[in-house]
C-alpha atoms as a PDB file:
ATOM      1  CA  MET A   1      -0.001  -0.006  -0.006  1.00  0.00           C
ATOM      2  CA  GLN A   2       1.271   3.452  -0.917  1.00  0.00           C
ATOM      3  CA  LYS A   3       2.009   5.814   1.998  1.00  0.00           C
ATOM      4  CA  ILE A   4       1.145   9.531   1.592  1.00  0.00           C
ATOM      5  CA  GLU A   5       2.481  11.943   4.191  1.00  0.00           C
ATOM      6  CA  PHE A   6       2.093  15.699   4.419  1.00  0.00           C
ATOM      7  CA  ILE A   7       2.030  18.501   7.008  1.00  0.00           C
ATOM      8  CA  ALA A   8      -1.326  20.024   7.945  1.00  0.00           C
ATOM      9  CA  SER A   9      -3.164  21.789  10.733  1.00  0.00           C
ATOM     10  CA  LEU A  10      -6.719  22.196  11.832  1.00  0.00           C
ATOM     11  CA  PRO A  11      -8.027  25.586  10.749  1.00  0.00           C
ATOM     12  CA  PRO A  12      -9.083  28.013  13.499  1.00  0.00           C
ATOM     13  CA  ILE A  13     -12.786  27.714  12.555  1.00  0.00           C
ATOM     14  CA  GLN A  14     -15.736  26.267  14.448  1.00  0.00           C
ATOM     15  CA  SER A  15     -16.430  23.806  11.611  1.00  0.00           C
ATOM     16  CA  ALA A  16     -12.914  22.250  11.582  1.00  0.00           C
ATOM     17  CA  ILE A  17     -14.407  19.065  13.147  1.00  0.00           C
ATOM     18  CA  ASN A  18     -18.046  18.154  12.390  1.00  0.00           C
ATOM     19  CA  ILE A  19     -19.739  15.277  14.151  1.00  0.00           C
ATOM     20  CA  ASP A  20     -22.592  13.672  12.261  1.00  0.00           C
ATOM     21  CA  GLY A  21     -25.969  14.526  13.782  1.00  0.00           C
ATOM     22  CA  GLN A  22     -26.918  10.885  14.049  1.00  0.00           C
ATOM     23  CA  GLY A  23     -23.578   9.870  15.537  1.00  0.00           C
ATOM     24  CA  ASN A  24     -22.542   7.855  12.496  1.00  0.00           C
ATOM     25  CA  GLY A  25     -19.188   9.544  11.913  1.00  0.00           C
ATOM     26  CA  ALA A  26     -17.374  12.874  11.536  1.00  0.00           C
ATOM     27  CA  ARG A  27     -15.671  15.107   9.023  1.00  0.00           C
ATOM     28  CA  ILE A  28     -12.378  16.897   9.567  1.00  0.00           C
ATOM     29  CA  LYS A  29     -11.084  19.879   7.552  1.00  0.00           C
ATOM     30  CA  LEU A  30      -7.358  20.534   7.246  1.00  0.00           C
ATOM     31  CA  ASP A  31      -5.264  23.525   6.287  1.00  0.00           C
ATOM     32  CA  ILE A  32      -2.379  22.431   4.107  1.00  0.00           C
ATOM     33  CA  PRO A  33       0.438  24.709   2.949  1.00  0.00           C
ATOM     34  CA  ALA A  34       1.221  25.035  -0.763  1.00  0.00           C
ATOM     35  CA  SER A  35       4.535  23.229  -0.194  1.00  0.00           C
ATOM     36  CA  GLU A  36       2.540  20.010   0.505  1.00  0.00           C
ATOM     37  CA  LEU A  37       0.110  20.311  -2.425  1.00  0.00           C
ATOM     38  CA  ALA A  38       1.735  17.640  -4.554  1.00  0.00           C
ATOM     39  CA  ARG A  39       1.369  15.073  -1.789  1.00  0.00           C
ATOM     40  CA  VAL A  40      -2.282  16.045  -1.171  1.00  0.00           C
ATOM     41  CA  ILE A  41      -3.113  15.591  -4.865  1.00  0.00           C
ATOM     42  CA  GLU A  42      -2.052  11.949  -4.464  1.00  0.00           C
ATOM     43  CA  LEU A  43      -5.052  11.479  -2.147  1.00  0.00           C
ATOM     44  CA  GLN A  44      -7.241  11.420  -5.295  1.00  0.00           C
ATOM     45  CA  SER A  45      -6.194   7.848  -5.823  1.00  0.00           C
ATOM     46  CA  TYR A  46      -7.909   6.979  -2.448  1.00  0.00           C
ATOM     47  CA  ILE A  47     -11.325   8.409  -3.328  1.00  0.00           C
ATOM     48  CA  GLY A  48     -13.995   5.824  -2.530  1.00  0.00           C
ATOM     49  CA  GLU A  49     -11.510   3.714  -0.544  1.00  0.00           C
ATOM     50  CA  SER A  50     -10.887   3.363   3.174  1.00  0.00           C
ATOM     51  CA  PHE A  51      -7.488   4.320   4.579  1.00  0.00           C
ATOM     52  CA  LYS A  52      -5.796   4.720   7.938  1.00  0.00           C
ATOM     53  CA  VAL A  53      -5.076   8.221   9.243  1.00  0.00           C
ATOM     54  CA  THR A  54      -2.314   8.807  11.805  1.00  0.00           C
ATOM     55  CA  ILE A  55      -1.819  12.173  13.497  1.00  0.00           C
ATOM     56  CA  GLU A  56       1.630  13.059  14.787  1.00  0.00           C
ATOM     57  CA  ARG A  57       2.405  16.469  16.281  1.00  0.00           C
ATOM     58  CA  VAL A  58       5.388  18.302  14.742  1.00  0.00           C
ATOM     59  CA  ASP A  59       7.124  21.486  15.851  1.00  0.00           C
END
């Protein structure tokens, strides 16, 4: 399986994390700098598929 890594942050907006009203899931929005755009575009190959997300804090 291909591994895609990029730097991102949660935007300072109330809707950065949305919980489904029926408790069936959530949606997360990320701010990603232009320097990471090429990696983010690779995510298109995952549309419609499940994948594992790992969050690791960086300085």
